[in-house]
Amino acid sequence: MDYILLEDMRFFAHHGVFEEERRVGNYFTVDLKLGTSLSAAAESDNLIDTLNYGVAYEIVKKEMAVPSKLLEHVARRIIDALFDEFGRQLASVEIRLSKHNPPLGGEVGKATVILSREN
């Protein structure tokens, strides 16, 4: 299996359990690992033969704009939307979604969830 990685995508969004978190917003980072076959694209040098990661980025951006309480919920929506868009072309997805400086009452750089799914 081959992979496309979209790393360190940064968003300002309104996710969090507490109402104030959703109102004020915070910074988030998304890392995406898309399992697919890249052999045809490697041979042809044609965008039509690969998974368009520009489209994948737009899916992540759209889902990050929808406020949610839990990072797990956002990550699952992103995975579902990617499979809806790419169908059988996508063999697997792994997502790391991090909230920067989570409100935990101490110094924590990020809180991260990792979800994955295979087609």
N, C-alpha and C. Protein backbone atom coordinates (compact mmCIF):
# COMPACT_ATOMS: atom_id res chain seq x y z
N MET A 1 0.85 -1.18 0.00
CA MET A 1 0.00 0.00 0.00
C MET A 1 0.89 1.24 0.00
N ASP A 2 0.43 2.26 -0.71
CA ASP A 2 1.12 3.54 -0.77
C ASP A 2 0.35 4.54 0.09
N TYR A 3 0.99 5.66 0.38
CA TYR A 3 0.36 6.65 1.26
C TYR A 3 0.59 8.06 0.75
N ILE A 4 -0.39 8.91 0.99
CA ILE A 4 -0.25 10.35 0.84
C ILE A 4 -0.40 10.93 2.24
N LEU A 5 0.55 11.76 2.64
CA LEU A 5 0.51 12.40 3.95
C LEU A 5 0.25 13.89 3.78
N LEU A 6 -0.71 14.39 4.52
CA LEU A 6 -0.91 15.84 4.65
C LEU A 6 -0.61 16.14 6.11
N GLU A 7 0.48 16.85 6.34
CA GLU A 7 0.96 17.04 7.70
C GLU A 7 0.92 18.50 8.13
N ASP A 8 0.63 18.67 9.40
CA ASP A 8 0.68 19.99 10.03
C ASP A 8 -0.28 21.00 9.41
N MET A 9 -1.49 20.53 9.04
CA MET A 9 -2.51 21.46 8.58
C MET A 9 -3.00 22.23 9.81
N ARG A 10 -3.04 23.52 9.73
CA ARG A 10 -3.39 24.35 10.89
C ARG A 10 -4.70 25.09 10.65
N PHE A 11 -5.52 25.06 11.70
CA PHE A 11 -6.83 25.69 11.63
C PHE A 11 -7.13 26.40 12.94
N PHE A 12 -7.86 27.49 12.85
CA PHE A 12 -8.48 28.11 14.01
C PHE A 12 -9.93 27.69 13.96
N ALA A 13 -10.40 27.03 15.03
CA ALA A 13 -11.76 26.48 15.00
C ALA A 13 -12.39 26.59 16.39
N HIS A 14 -13.63 26.16 16.47
CA HIS A 14 -14.43 26.35 17.69
C HIS A 14 -14.93 25.01 18.23
N HIS A 15 -13.98 24.17 18.64
CA HIS A 15 -14.31 22.86 19.21
C HIS A 15 -13.98 22.85 20.69
N GLY A 16 -14.81 22.18 21.47
CA GLY A 16 -14.52 22.02 22.89
C GLY A 16 -15.76 21.69 23.68
N VAL A 17 -15.55 21.03 24.79
CA VAL A 17 -16.66 20.64 25.67
C VAL A 17 -17.30 21.87 26.31
N PHE A 18 -16.47 22.81 26.69
CA PHE A 18 -16.98 23.99 27.38
C PHE A 18 -17.49 25.03 26.38
N GLU A 19 -18.60 25.65 26.71
CA GLU A 19 -19.21 26.65 25.84
C GLU A 19 -18.22 27.75 25.47
N GLU A 20 -17.42 28.18 26.44
CA GLU A 20 -16.45 29.24 26.17
C GLU A 20 -15.41 28.82 25.13
N GLU A 21 -15.00 27.56 25.17
CA GLU A 21 -14.06 27.06 24.15
C GLU A 21 -14.66 27.19 22.75
N ARG A 22 -15.91 26.83 22.62
CA ARG A 22 -16.58 26.90 21.33
C ARG A 22 -16.81 28.35 20.91
N ARG A 23 -17.00 29.24 21.89
CA ARG A 23 -17.24 30.65 21.56
C ARG A 23 -15.93 31.35 21.17
N VAL A 24 -14.88 31.14 21.96
CA VAL A 24 -13.61 31.85 21.77
C VAL A 24 -12.77 31.22 20.65
N GLY A 25 -12.77 29.89 20.57
CA GLY A 25 -11.98 29.20 19.57
C GLY A 25 -10.56 28.91 20.02
N ASN A 26 -9.86 28.14 19.22
CA ASN A 26 -8.51 27.71 19.55
C ASN A 26 -7.82 27.25 18.27
N TYR A 27 -6.54 26.98 18.38
CA TYR A 27 -5.77 26.47 17.25
C TYR A 27 -5.73 24.95 17.30
N PHE A 28 -5.81 24.35 16.12
CA PHE A 28 -5.81 22.91 15.97
C PHE A 28 -4.86 22.53 14.85
N THR A 29 -4.30 21.33 14.95
CA THR A 29 -3.43 20.79 13.92
C THR A 29 -3.99 19.44 13.48
N VAL A 30 -3.97 19.20 12.18
CA VAL A 30 -4.45 17.92 11.63
C VAL A 30 -3.33 17.31 10.79
N ASP A 31 -3.07 16.01 11.04
CA ASP A 31 -2.17 15.21 10.21
C ASP A 31 -3.01 14.08 9.63
N LEU A 32 -2.87 13.86 8.34
CA LEU A 32 -3.70 12.89 7.64
C LEU A 32 -2.81 11.91 6.88
N LYS A 33 -3.11 10.62 7.00
CA LYS A 33 -2.41 9.57 6.26
C LYS A 33 -3.46 8.84 5.43
N LEU A 34 -3.36 8.98 4.11
CA LEU A 34 -4.32 8.40 3.18
C LEU A 34 -3.69 7.21 2.47
N GLY A 35 -4.25 6.03 2.69
CA GLY A 35 -3.75 4.83 2.03
C GLY A 35 -4.43 4.66 0.68
N THR A 36 -3.63 4.54 -0.36
CA THR A 36 -4.15 4.42 -1.73
C THR A 36 -3.07 3.80 -2.60
N SER A 37 -3.38 3.51 -3.81
CA SER A 37 -2.36 3.04 -4.75
C SER A 37 -1.86 4.24 -5.56
N LEU A 38 -0.54 4.39 -5.57
CA LEU A 38 0.06 5.49 -6.32
C LEU A 38 0.81 5.03 -7.56
N SER A 39 0.74 3.75 -7.86
CA SER A 39 1.53 3.20 -8.98
C SER A 39 1.13 3.79 -10.33
N ALA A 40 -0.18 3.93 -10.58
CA ALA A 40 -0.61 4.49 -11.88
C ALA A 40 -0.13 5.94 -12.03
N ALA A 41 -0.24 6.72 -10.98
CA ALA A 41 0.20 8.12 -11.04
C ALA A 41 1.71 8.23 -11.18
N ALA A 42 2.43 7.33 -10.51
CA ALA A 42 3.89 7.34 -10.62
C ALA A 42 4.33 7.06 -12.05
N GLU A 43 3.56 6.24 -12.75
CA GLU A 43 3.86 5.90 -14.14
C GLU A 43 3.40 7.00 -15.11
N SER A 44 2.18 7.50 -14.90
CA SER A 44 1.57 8.40 -15.89
C SER A 44 1.90 9.88 -15.71
N ASP A 45 2.21 10.30 -14.48
CA ASP A 45 2.41 11.72 -14.17
C ASP A 45 1.15 12.52 -14.45
N ASN A 46 -0.03 11.90 -14.18
CA ASN A 46 -1.31 12.52 -14.47
C ASN A 46 -2.16 12.56 -13.19
N LEU A 47 -2.69 13.72 -12.87
CA LEU A 47 -3.49 13.92 -11.66
C LEU A 47 -4.70 12.99 -11.60
N ILE A 48 -5.25 12.65 -12.73
CA ILE A 48 -6.44 11.80 -12.75
C ILE A 48 -6.15 10.39 -12.20
N ASP A 49 -4.88 10.01 -12.16
CA ASP A 49 -4.49 8.67 -11.70
C ASP A 49 -4.14 8.61 -10.22
N THR A 50 -4.36 9.69 -9.52
CA THR A 50 -4.02 9.71 -8.09
C THR A 50 -5.17 10.27 -7.27
N LEU A 51 -5.04 10.16 -5.99
CA LEU A 51 -6.01 10.75 -5.07
C LEU A 51 -5.64 12.24 -4.94
N ASN A 52 -6.55 13.11 -5.26
CA ASN A 52 -6.28 14.55 -5.27
C ASN A 52 -6.25 15.07 -3.84
N TYR A 53 -5.04 15.34 -3.34
CA TYR A 53 -4.94 15.77 -1.95
C TYR A 53 -5.38 17.22 -1.75
N GLY A 54 -5.55 17.97 -2.82
CA GLY A 54 -6.17 19.30 -2.70
C GLY A 54 -7.63 19.16 -2.29
N VAL A 55 -8.31 18.19 -2.85
CA VAL A 55 -9.70 17.90 -2.48
C VAL A 55 -9.75 17.40 -1.04
N ALA A 56 -8.80 16.55 -0.66
CA ALA A 56 -8.75 16.05 0.72
C ALA A 56 -8.58 17.21 1.71
N TYR A 57 -7.70 18.15 1.39
CA TYR A 57 -7.51 19.31 2.25
C TYR A 57 -8.82 20.10 2.40
N GLU A 58 -9.53 20.32 1.31
CA GLU A 58 -10.79 21.08 1.38
C GLU A 58 -11.83 20.37 2.24
N ILE A 59 -11.83 19.05 2.22
CA ILE A 59 -12.74 18.28 3.09
C ILE A 59 -12.39 18.52 4.55
N VAL A 60 -11.11 18.44 4.88
CA VAL A 60 -10.67 18.68 6.26
C VAL A 60 -11.05 20.09 6.68
N LYS A 61 -10.77 21.06 5.84
CA LYS A 61 -11.07 22.47 6.14
C LYS A 61 -12.57 22.66 6.40
N LYS A 62 -13.41 22.07 5.57
CA LYS A 62 -14.86 22.20 5.73
C LYS A 62 -15.32 21.60 7.06
N GLU A 63 -14.84 20.41 7.39
CA GLU A 63 -15.27 19.75 8.63
C GLU A 63 -14.71 20.46 9.87
N MET A 64 -13.53 21.02 9.77
CA MET A 64 -12.95 21.75 10.91
C MET A 64 -13.76 23.01 11.21
N ALA A 65 -14.49 23.53 10.25
CA ALA A 65 -15.29 24.75 10.45
C ALA A 65 -16.61 24.48 11.16
N VAL A 66 -16.96 23.21 11.34
CA VAL A 66 -18.22 22.85 12.01
C VAL A 66 -17.93 22.62 13.49
N PRO A 67 -18.42 23.49 14.40
CA PRO A 67 -18.12 23.33 15.83
C PRO A 67 -18.62 22.00 16.39
N SER A 68 -17.77 21.39 17.22
CA SER A 68 -18.10 20.14 17.90
C SER A 68 -17.55 20.17 19.31
N LYS A 69 -18.13 19.36 20.17
CA LYS A 69 -17.63 19.27 21.54
C LYS A 69 -16.35 18.43 21.61
N LEU A 70 -16.33 17.32 20.89
CA LEU A 70 -15.22 16.38 21.02
C LEU A 70 -14.36 16.30 19.76
N LEU A 71 -13.04 16.20 19.97
CA LEU A 71 -12.12 16.00 18.86
C LEU A 71 -12.43 14.70 18.13
N GLU A 72 -12.82 13.68 18.87
CA GLU A 72 -13.15 12.39 18.28
C GLU A 72 -14.27 12.53 17.24
N HIS A 73 -15.25 13.37 17.55
CA HIS A 73 -16.38 13.58 16.64
C HIS A 73 -15.93 14.27 15.36
N VAL A 74 -15.09 15.27 15.49
CA VAL A 74 -14.57 15.99 14.32
C VAL A 74 -13.76 15.03 13.45
N ALA A 75 -12.88 14.26 14.09
CA ALA A 75 -12.03 13.32 13.35
C ALA A 75 -12.88 12.29 12.60
N ARG A 76 -13.91 11.79 13.24
CA ARG A 76 -14.78 10.80 12.59
C ARG A 76 -15.51 11.41 11.40
N ARG A 77 -15.98 12.65 11.54
CA ARG A 77 -16.65 13.32 10.41
C ARG A 77 -15.70 13.47 9.23
N ILE A 78 -14.46 13.82 9.50
CA ILE A 78 -13.47 13.98 8.44
C ILE A 78 -13.25 12.64 7.72
N ILE A 79 -13.07 11.58 8.49
CA ILE A 79 -12.88 10.25 7.90
C ILE A 79 -14.07 9.87 7.03
N ASP A 80 -15.27 10.03 7.57
CA ASP A 80 -16.48 9.69 6.81
C ASP A 80 -16.57 10.48 5.51
N ALA A 81 -16.28 11.78 5.58
CA ALA A 81 -16.35 12.64 4.39
C ALA A 81 -15.31 12.23 3.35
N LEU A 82 -14.12 11.84 3.79
CA LEU A 82 -13.08 11.39 2.86
C LEU A 82 -13.50 10.11 2.14
N PHE A 83 -14.06 9.16 2.87
CA PHE A 83 -14.53 7.93 2.23
C PHE A 83 -15.71 8.20 1.31
N ASP A 84 -16.59 9.13 1.70
CA ASP A 84 -17.70 9.50 0.83
C ASP A 84 -17.20 10.08 -0.49
N GLU A 85 -16.15 10.89 -0.42
CA GLU A 85 -15.62 11.55 -1.62
C GLU A 85 -14.82 10.59 -2.51
N PHE A 86 -13.94 9.80 -1.91
CA PHE A 86 -12.98 9.02 -2.69
C PHE A 86 -13.37 7.55 -2.87
N GLY A 87 -14.32 7.06 -2.11
CA GLY A 87 -14.82 5.70 -2.28
C GLY A 87 -13.72 4.65 -2.28
N ARG A 88 -13.77 3.76 -3.27
CA ARG A 88 -12.84 2.62 -3.35
C ARG A 88 -11.41 3.05 -3.64
N GLN A 89 -11.22 4.27 -4.10
CA GLN A 89 -9.87 4.76 -4.37
C GLN A 89 -9.08 4.89 -3.05
N LEU A 90 -9.78 5.01 -1.95
CA LEU A 90 -9.17 5.20 -0.64
C LEU A 90 -9.23 3.88 0.13
N ALA A 91 -8.08 3.33 0.46
CA ALA A 91 -8.01 2.06 1.17
C ALA A 91 -8.04 2.24 2.68
N SER A 92 -7.44 3.33 3.17
CA SER A 92 -7.41 3.57 4.61
C SER A 92 -7.17 5.05 4.89
N VAL A 93 -7.56 5.44 6.10
CA VAL A 93 -7.32 6.81 6.58
C VAL A 93 -6.87 6.72 8.03
N GLU A 94 -5.83 7.47 8.35
CA GLU A 94 -5.46 7.70 9.75
C GLU A 94 -5.39 9.21 9.94
N ILE A 95 -6.02 9.68 11.00
CA ILE A 95 -6.02 11.12 11.28
C ILE A 95 -5.54 11.35 12.71
N ARG A 96 -4.70 12.37 12.84
CA ARG A 96 -4.27 12.87 14.15
C ARG A 96 -4.80 14.30 14.25
N LEU A 97 -5.65 14.53 15.22
CA LEU A 97 -6.25 15.86 15.41
C LEU A 97 -5.84 16.36 16.78
N SER A 98 -5.17 17.51 16.81
CA SER A 98 -4.62 18.06 18.05
C SER A 98 -5.21 19.42 18.37
N LYS A 99 -5.55 19.60 19.63
CA LYS A 99 -5.96 20.91 20.14
C LYS A 99 -4.76 21.51 20.87
N HIS A 100 -4.38 22.71 20.49
CA HIS A 100 -3.24 23.37 21.13
C HIS A 100 -3.66 24.00 22.45
N ASN A 101 -2.79 23.93 23.44
CA ASN A 101 -3.02 24.53 24.75
C ASN A 101 -4.42 24.22 25.30
N PRO A 102 -4.75 22.95 25.48
CA PRO A 102 -6.09 22.61 25.98
C PRO A 102 -6.28 23.12 27.41
N PRO A 103 -7.49 23.49 27.78
CA PRO A 103 -7.75 24.06 29.11
C PRO A 103 -7.81 22.97 30.18
N LEU A 104 -6.63 22.52 30.62
CA LEU A 104 -6.55 21.44 31.59
C LEU A 104 -6.03 21.88 32.95
N GLY A 105 -5.82 23.17 33.12
CA GLY A 105 -5.35 23.68 34.41
C GLY A 105 -3.86 23.52 34.63
N GLY A 106 -3.12 23.27 33.57
CA GLY A 106 -1.66 23.14 33.66
C GLY A 106 -1.07 23.33 32.27
N GLU A 107 0.25 23.19 32.19
CA GLU A 107 0.93 23.37 30.91
C GLU A 107 0.87 22.08 30.10
N VAL A 108 0.07 22.10 29.04
CA VAL A 108 -0.02 20.98 28.11
C VAL A 108 0.02 21.58 26.71
N GLY A 109 0.98 21.18 25.93
CA GLY A 109 1.14 21.73 24.58
C GLY A 109 -0.02 21.39 23.66
N LYS A 110 -0.42 20.11 23.66
CA LYS A 110 -1.50 19.67 22.78
C LYS A 110 -2.21 18.47 23.40
N ALA A 111 -3.48 18.35 23.09
CA ALA A 111 -4.23 17.12 23.34
C ALA A 111 -4.55 16.56 21.96
N THR A 112 -4.27 15.28 21.75
CA THR A 112 -4.40 14.68 20.42
C THR A 112 -5.22 13.41 20.47
N VAL A 113 -6.08 13.23 19.44
CA VAL A 113 -6.75 11.96 19.23
C VAL A 113 -6.27 11.41 17.89
N ILE A 114 -6.19 10.09 17.81
CA ILE A 114 -5.81 9.40 16.58
C ILE A 114 -6.91 8.40 16.26
N LEU A 115 -7.50 8.56 15.09
CA LEU A 115 -8.52 7.62 14.61
C LEU A 115 -8.08 7.06 13.28
N SER A 116 -8.48 5.82 13.01
CA SER A 116 -8.16 5.23 11.71
C SER A 116 -9.31 4.33 11.27
N ARG A 117 -9.36 4.13 9.95
CA ARG A 117 -10.39 3.26 9.38
C ARG A 117 -9.87 2.71 8.06
N GLU A 118 -10.24 1.48 7.78
CA GLU A 118 -9.89 0.87 6.50
C GLU A 118 -11.16 0.65 5.70
N ASN A 119 -11.03 0.70 4.39
CA ASN A 119 -12.17 0.50 3.50
C ASN A 119 -12.38 -0.98 3.24
